Amino acid sequence: MKILKTSLIGTFLFINLALILFLWERNQLKIDNNEVPSIANANTHTNKREIITEKISSSRQGDYVVEKHESIEIWYDQKGNKIKRVPTGDHTYLRYWASKKGKIIMDDHDDE
């Protein structure tokens, strides 16, 4: 019982001492709100950008139509005006069947 009483008193004293030290240190350290270092400047404006896909060309290859699309990055200013337009170099090719009436579309993959 004596050990329990001693440990409770020790814990109580330690917690109170820690709280007193935290309160004392909080009052010792004065920070002016205007002098807080920050990487972000409140006056900086960021431009909006988006990536769109545009159709570049279309060609017919046999019974297929092949379309070439390119991704383009577009930058806008704060008012929504286009600042610059930069091709990303990403190309997508879309191939689809352009069958004539009465033709049958066949699967060209063998599932053997």
N, C-alpha and C. Protein backbone atom coordinates (compact mmCIF):
# COMPACT_ATOMS: atom_id res chain seq x y z
N MET A 1 0.82 -1.20 0.00
CA MET A 1 0.00 0.00 0.00
C MET A 1 0.86 1.26 0.00
N LYS A 2 1.98 1.16 0.72
CA LYS A 2 2.87 2.32 0.79
C LYS A 2 3.49 2.62 -0.57
N ILE A 3 3.80 1.57 -1.34
CA ILE A 3 4.39 1.75 -2.68
C ILE A 3 3.38 2.42 -3.60
N LEU A 4 2.11 2.02 -3.53
CA LEU A 4 1.06 2.62 -4.35
C LEU A 4 0.88 4.09 -4.00
N LYS A 5 0.88 4.40 -2.70
CA LYS A 5 0.71 5.78 -2.25
C LYS A 5 1.88 6.64 -2.73
N THR A 6 3.09 6.11 -2.65
CA THR A 6 4.29 6.85 -3.07
C THR A 6 4.27 7.09 -4.59
N SER A 7 3.87 6.07 -5.34
CA SER A 7 3.86 6.24 -6.80
C SER A 7 2.77 7.23 -7.24
N LEU A 8 1.61 7.23 -6.57
CA LEU A 8 0.56 8.20 -6.90
C LEU A 8 1.00 9.62 -6.58
N ILE A 9 1.65 9.82 -5.45
CA ILE A 9 2.14 11.16 -5.09
C ILE A 9 3.21 11.60 -6.08
N GLY A 10 4.12 10.69 -6.46
CA GLY A 10 5.18 11.01 -7.43
C GLY A 10 4.59 11.39 -8.79
N THR A 11 3.58 10.63 -9.23
CA THR A 11 2.94 10.93 -10.51
C THR A 11 2.24 12.29 -10.46
N PHE A 12 1.53 12.56 -9.38
CA PHE A 12 0.83 13.83 -9.21
C PHE A 12 1.81 15.01 -9.24
N LEU A 13 2.94 14.86 -8.51
CA LEU A 13 3.93 15.94 -8.49
C LEU A 13 4.57 16.13 -9.86
N PHE A 14 4.88 15.05 -10.57
CA PHE A 14 5.50 15.16 -11.89
C PHE A 14 4.57 15.86 -12.88
N ILE A 15 3.30 15.48 -12.90
CA ILE A 15 2.35 16.09 -13.84
C ILE A 15 2.18 17.58 -13.54
N ASN A 16 2.04 17.93 -12.27
CA ASN A 16 1.89 19.35 -11.92
C ASN A 16 3.14 20.15 -12.24
N LEU A 17 4.30 19.58 -11.99
CA LEU A 17 5.55 20.27 -12.32
C LEU A 17 5.66 20.49 -13.83
N ALA A 18 5.30 19.48 -14.63
CA ALA A 18 5.35 19.62 -16.09
C ALA A 18 4.39 20.70 -16.57
N LEU A 19 3.17 20.74 -16.02
CA LEU A 19 2.21 21.78 -16.41
C LEU A 19 2.70 23.18 -16.04
N ILE A 20 3.29 23.30 -14.87
CA ILE A 20 3.82 24.61 -14.45
C ILE A 20 4.95 25.05 -15.38
N LEU A 21 5.83 24.11 -15.77
CA LEU A 21 6.92 24.47 -16.69
C LEU A 21 6.39 24.86 -18.07
N PHE A 22 5.37 24.17 -18.57
CA PHE A 22 4.77 24.53 -19.86
C PHE A 22 4.16 25.92 -19.82
N LEU A 23 3.45 26.24 -18.74
CA LEU A 23 2.83 27.57 -18.62
C LEU A 23 3.89 28.65 -18.50
N TRP A 24 4.94 28.39 -17.75
CA TRP A 24 6.00 29.38 -17.59
C TRP A 24 6.70 29.63 -18.92
N GLU A 25 7.01 28.56 -19.65
CA GLU A 25 7.69 28.72 -20.93
C GLU A 25 6.81 29.41 -21.96
N ARG A 26 5.50 29.16 -21.93
CA ARG A 26 4.59 29.81 -22.88
C ARG A 26 4.62 31.33 -22.68
N ASN A 27 4.74 31.77 -21.45
CA ASN A 27 4.78 33.21 -21.19
C ASN A 27 6.15 33.81 -21.47
N GLN A 28 7.21 33.01 -21.44
CA GLN A 28 8.55 33.50 -21.72
C GLN A 28 8.80 33.70 -23.21
N LEU A 29 8.18 32.90 -24.02
CA LEU A 29 8.40 32.95 -25.45
C LEU A 29 7.33 33.82 -26.11
N LYS A 30 7.74 34.98 -26.61
CA LYS A 30 6.80 35.90 -27.26
C LYS A 30 7.06 35.87 -28.76
N ILE A 31 6.01 35.60 -29.53
CA ILE A 31 6.12 35.56 -30.98
C ILE A 31 5.21 36.64 -31.55
N ASP A 32 5.81 37.52 -32.35
CA ASP A 32 5.02 38.54 -33.03
C ASP A 32 4.42 37.89 -34.27
N ASN A 33 3.14 38.04 -34.48
CA ASN A 33 2.46 37.38 -35.61
C ASN A 33 3.01 37.82 -36.96
N ASN A 34 3.58 39.02 -37.05
CA ASN A 34 4.12 39.51 -38.32
C ASN A 34 5.49 38.93 -38.63
N GLU A 35 6.14 38.33 -37.63
CA GLU A 35 7.49 37.82 -37.83
C GLU A 35 7.56 36.31 -37.97
N VAL A 36 6.43 35.66 -38.16
CA VAL A 36 6.43 34.20 -38.31
C VAL A 36 6.97 33.87 -39.70
N PRO A 37 8.04 33.07 -39.77
CA PRO A 37 8.59 32.72 -41.08
C PRO A 37 7.62 31.82 -41.86
N SER A 38 7.55 32.08 -43.15
CA SER A 38 6.66 31.29 -44.00
C SER A 38 7.23 31.26 -45.40
N ILE A 39 7.04 30.14 -46.09
CA ILE A 39 7.51 30.07 -47.47
C ILE A 39 6.50 30.68 -48.42
N ALA A 40 5.23 30.61 -48.07
CA ALA A 40 4.18 31.12 -48.96
C ALA A 40 3.96 32.60 -48.73
N ASN A 41 3.91 33.34 -49.81
CA ASN A 41 3.60 34.76 -49.73
C ASN A 41 2.11 34.92 -49.94
N ALA A 42 1.47 35.68 -49.08
CA ALA A 42 0.01 35.83 -49.17
C ALA A 42 -0.42 36.53 -50.46
N ASN A 43 0.48 37.28 -51.07
CA ASN A 43 0.13 38.03 -52.27
C ASN A 43 0.41 37.28 -53.57
N THR A 44 0.92 36.07 -53.48
CA THR A 44 1.21 35.34 -54.71
C THR A 44 -0.08 34.79 -55.31
N HIS A 45 -0.16 34.86 -56.63
CA HIS A 45 -1.32 34.34 -57.35
C HIS A 45 -0.87 33.16 -58.19
N THR A 46 -1.63 32.11 -58.13
CA THR A 46 -1.29 30.95 -58.94
C THR A 46 -2.15 30.92 -60.18
N ASN A 47 -1.58 30.44 -61.26
CA ASN A 47 -2.30 30.32 -62.50
C ASN A 47 -2.93 28.93 -62.58
N LYS A 48 -4.08 28.87 -63.21
CA LYS A 48 -4.78 27.60 -63.38
C LYS A 48 -4.28 26.95 -64.66
N ARG A 49 -4.20 25.61 -64.65
CA ARG A 49 -3.80 24.90 -65.86
C ARG A 49 -4.68 23.67 -65.98
N GLU A 50 -4.84 23.23 -67.22
CA GLU A 50 -5.59 22.01 -67.48
C GLU A 50 -4.99 21.31 -68.68
N ILE A 51 -5.24 20.01 -68.77
CA ILE A 51 -4.76 19.23 -69.90
C ILE A 51 -5.98 18.74 -70.66
N ILE A 52 -6.00 19.06 -71.95
CA ILE A 52 -7.11 18.64 -72.80
C ILE A 52 -6.57 17.74 -73.91
N THR A 53 -7.46 17.02 -74.54
CA THR A 53 -7.09 16.16 -75.66
C THR A 53 -7.79 16.67 -76.91
N GLU A 54 -7.00 16.90 -77.95
CA GLU A 54 -7.56 17.40 -79.21
C GLU A 54 -7.29 16.40 -80.33
N LYS A 55 -8.24 16.31 -81.24
CA LYS A 55 -8.08 15.44 -82.41
C LYS A 55 -7.16 16.13 -83.40
N ILE A 56 -6.10 15.44 -83.79
CA ILE A 56 -5.11 16.00 -84.71
C ILE A 56 -5.42 15.58 -86.14
N SER A 57 -5.67 14.28 -86.35
CA SER A 57 -5.92 13.81 -87.71
C SER A 57 -6.79 12.57 -87.67
N SER A 58 -7.30 12.23 -88.84
CA SER A 58 -8.11 11.04 -89.00
C SER A 58 -7.78 10.44 -90.36
N SER A 59 -7.58 9.12 -90.39
CA SER A 59 -7.28 8.48 -91.66
C SER A 59 -8.01 7.14 -91.73
N ARG A 60 -8.19 6.69 -92.94
CA ARG A 60 -8.89 5.42 -93.15
C ARG A 60 -7.84 4.38 -93.53
N GLN A 61 -7.84 3.27 -92.80
CA GLN A 61 -6.91 2.17 -93.08
C GLN A 61 -7.74 0.90 -93.25
N GLY A 62 -8.03 0.58 -94.48
CA GLY A 62 -8.87 -0.58 -94.78
C GLY A 62 -10.29 -0.32 -94.30
N ASP A 63 -10.80 -1.21 -93.47
CA ASP A 63 -12.15 -1.04 -92.94
C ASP A 63 -12.16 -0.29 -91.62
N TYR A 64 -11.02 0.24 -91.22
CA TYR A 64 -10.93 0.95 -89.95
C TYR A 64 -10.69 2.44 -90.17
N VAL A 65 -11.14 3.22 -89.22
CA VAL A 65 -10.81 4.64 -89.17
C VAL A 65 -9.89 4.82 -87.98
N VAL A 66 -8.75 5.46 -88.19
CA VAL A 66 -7.77 5.69 -87.13
C VAL A 66 -7.70 7.19 -86.87
N GLU A 67 -7.96 7.58 -85.63
CA GLU A 67 -7.88 8.99 -85.24
C GLU A 67 -6.68 9.18 -84.33
N LYS A 68 -5.97 10.27 -84.56
CA LYS A 68 -4.81 10.61 -83.74
C LYS A 68 -5.20 11.79 -82.85
N HIS A 69 -5.02 11.63 -81.53
CA HIS A 69 -5.32 12.69 -80.57
C HIS A 69 -4.05 13.07 -79.82
N GLU A 70 -3.93 14.34 -79.44
CA GLU A 70 -2.76 14.82 -78.72
C GLU A 70 -3.20 15.55 -77.46
N SER A 71 -2.48 15.33 -76.36
CA SER A 71 -2.75 16.04 -75.11
C SER A 71 -2.04 17.39 -75.14
N ILE A 72 -2.77 18.43 -74.72
CA ILE A 72 -2.23 19.79 -74.73
C ILE A 72 -2.48 20.41 -73.36
N GLU A 73 -1.45 21.03 -72.81
CA GLU A 73 -1.56 21.71 -71.52
C GLU A 73 -1.86 23.18 -71.78
N ILE A 74 -2.93 23.68 -71.17
CA ILE A 74 -3.33 25.07 -71.36
C ILE A 74 -3.25 25.79 -70.01
N TRP A 75 -2.58 26.93 -70.01
CA TRP A 75 -2.43 27.75 -68.80
C TRP A 75 -3.35 28.97 -68.90
N TYR A 76 -4.01 29.30 -67.78
CA TYR A 76 -4.91 30.45 -67.71
C TYR A 76 -4.41 31.41 -66.63
N ASP A 77 -4.67 32.72 -66.82
CA ASP A 77 -4.35 33.68 -65.78
C ASP A 77 -5.51 33.76 -64.79
N GLN A 78 -5.44 34.72 -63.86
CA GLN A 78 -6.46 34.87 -62.82
C GLN A 78 -7.83 35.22 -63.39
N LYS A 79 -7.85 35.86 -64.55
CA LYS A 79 -9.13 36.27 -65.16
C LYS A 79 -9.69 35.22 -66.09
N GLY A 80 -9.00 34.11 -66.28
CA GLY A 80 -9.48 33.04 -67.14
C GLY A 80 -9.02 33.15 -68.58
N ASN A 81 -8.12 34.07 -68.88
CA ASN A 81 -7.60 34.21 -70.24
C ASN A 81 -6.46 33.21 -70.46
N LYS A 82 -6.38 32.66 -71.68
CA LYS A 82 -5.31 31.71 -71.98
C LYS A 82 -3.98 32.44 -72.03
N ILE A 83 -3.02 31.93 -71.28
CA ILE A 83 -1.67 32.50 -71.28
C ILE A 83 -0.80 31.78 -72.30
N LYS A 84 -0.76 30.45 -72.18
CA LYS A 84 0.04 29.69 -73.13
C LYS A 84 -0.58 28.32 -73.34
N ARG A 85 -0.16 27.72 -74.44
CA ARG A 85 -0.68 26.42 -74.87
C ARG A 85 0.53 25.57 -75.25
N VAL A 86 0.75 24.48 -74.50
CA VAL A 86 1.95 23.68 -74.68
C VAL A 86 1.56 22.23 -74.99
N PRO A 87 1.96 21.69 -76.15
CA PRO A 87 1.73 20.26 -76.42
C PRO A 87 2.56 19.42 -75.46
N THR A 88 1.96 18.39 -74.89
CA THR A 88 2.67 17.54 -73.93
C THR A 88 3.48 16.45 -74.60
N GLY A 89 3.18 16.15 -75.86
CA GLY A 89 3.89 15.08 -76.54
C GLY A 89 3.22 13.73 -76.39
N ASP A 90 2.14 13.66 -75.61
CA ASP A 90 1.39 12.41 -75.46
C ASP A 90 0.40 12.27 -76.61
N HIS A 91 0.49 11.17 -77.32
CA HIS A 91 -0.42 10.92 -78.44
C HIS A 91 -1.25 9.67 -78.14
N THR A 92 -2.51 9.71 -78.52
CA THR A 92 -3.40 8.57 -78.37
C THR A 92 -3.99 8.26 -79.73
N TYR A 93 -4.01 6.98 -80.06
CA TYR A 93 -4.57 6.55 -81.34
C TYR A 93 -5.83 5.76 -81.07
N LEU A 94 -6.90 6.15 -81.71
CA LEU A 94 -8.20 5.49 -81.57
C LEU A 94 -8.56 4.83 -82.88
N ARG A 95 -8.74 3.53 -82.85
CA ARG A 95 -9.08 2.80 -84.06
C ARG A 95 -10.46 2.18 -83.88
N TYR A 96 -11.33 2.45 -84.81
CA TYR A 96 -12.66 1.85 -84.73
C TYR A 96 -13.12 1.38 -86.10
N TRP A 97 -14.04 0.45 -86.08
CA TRP A 97 -14.54 -0.22 -87.28
C TRP A 97 -15.50 0.68 -88.02
N ALA A 98 -15.30 0.85 -89.29
CA ALA A 98 -16.21 1.64 -90.13
C ALA A 98 -16.78 0.68 -91.16
N SER A 99 -17.67 -0.20 -90.71
CA SER A 99 -18.18 -1.24 -91.60
C SER A 99 -19.22 -0.70 -92.57
N LYS A 100 -19.29 -1.39 -93.69
CA LYS A 100 -20.34 -1.07 -94.65
C LYS A 100 -21.54 -1.93 -94.29
N LYS A 101 -22.69 -1.55 -94.73
CA LYS A 101 -23.90 -2.30 -94.40
C LYS A 101 -23.79 -3.74 -94.91
N GLY A 102 -24.11 -4.70 -94.05
CA GLY A 102 -24.06 -6.10 -94.44
C GLY A 102 -22.76 -6.79 -94.11
N LYS A 103 -21.70 -6.04 -93.74
CA LYS A 103 -20.44 -6.66 -93.37
C LYS A 103 -20.50 -7.16 -91.94
N ILE A 104 -19.78 -8.22 -91.66
CA ILE A 104 -19.76 -8.79 -90.31
C ILE A 104 -18.43 -8.43 -89.67
N ILE A 105 -18.51 -7.95 -88.45
CA ILE A 105 -17.29 -7.63 -87.69
C ILE A 105 -16.79 -8.93 -87.07
N MET A 106 -15.54 -9.27 -87.34
CA MET A 106 -15.00 -10.52 -86.81
C MET A 106 -13.89 -10.22 -85.82
N ASP A 107 -13.78 -11.07 -84.81
CA ASP A 107 -12.72 -10.95 -83.83
C ASP A 107 -11.45 -11.50 -84.44
N ASP A 108 -10.37 -10.72 -84.43
CA ASP A 108 -9.13 -11.17 -85.04
C ASP A 108 -8.19 -11.84 -84.04
N HIS A 109 -8.66 -12.07 -82.80
CA HIS A 109 -7.85 -12.72 -81.78
C HIS A 109 -8.23 -14.19 -81.71
N ASP A 110 -7.24 -15.06 -81.68
CA ASP A 110 -7.49 -16.50 -81.53
C ASP A 110 -7.51 -16.85 -80.06
N ASP A 111 -8.58 -17.48 -79.58
CA ASP A 111 -8.69 -17.87 -78.18
C ASP A 111 -8.44 -19.37 -78.02
N GLU A 112 -7.46 -19.89 -78.73
CA GLU A 112 -7.19 -21.33 -78.68
C GLU A 112 -6.31 -21.67 -77.51
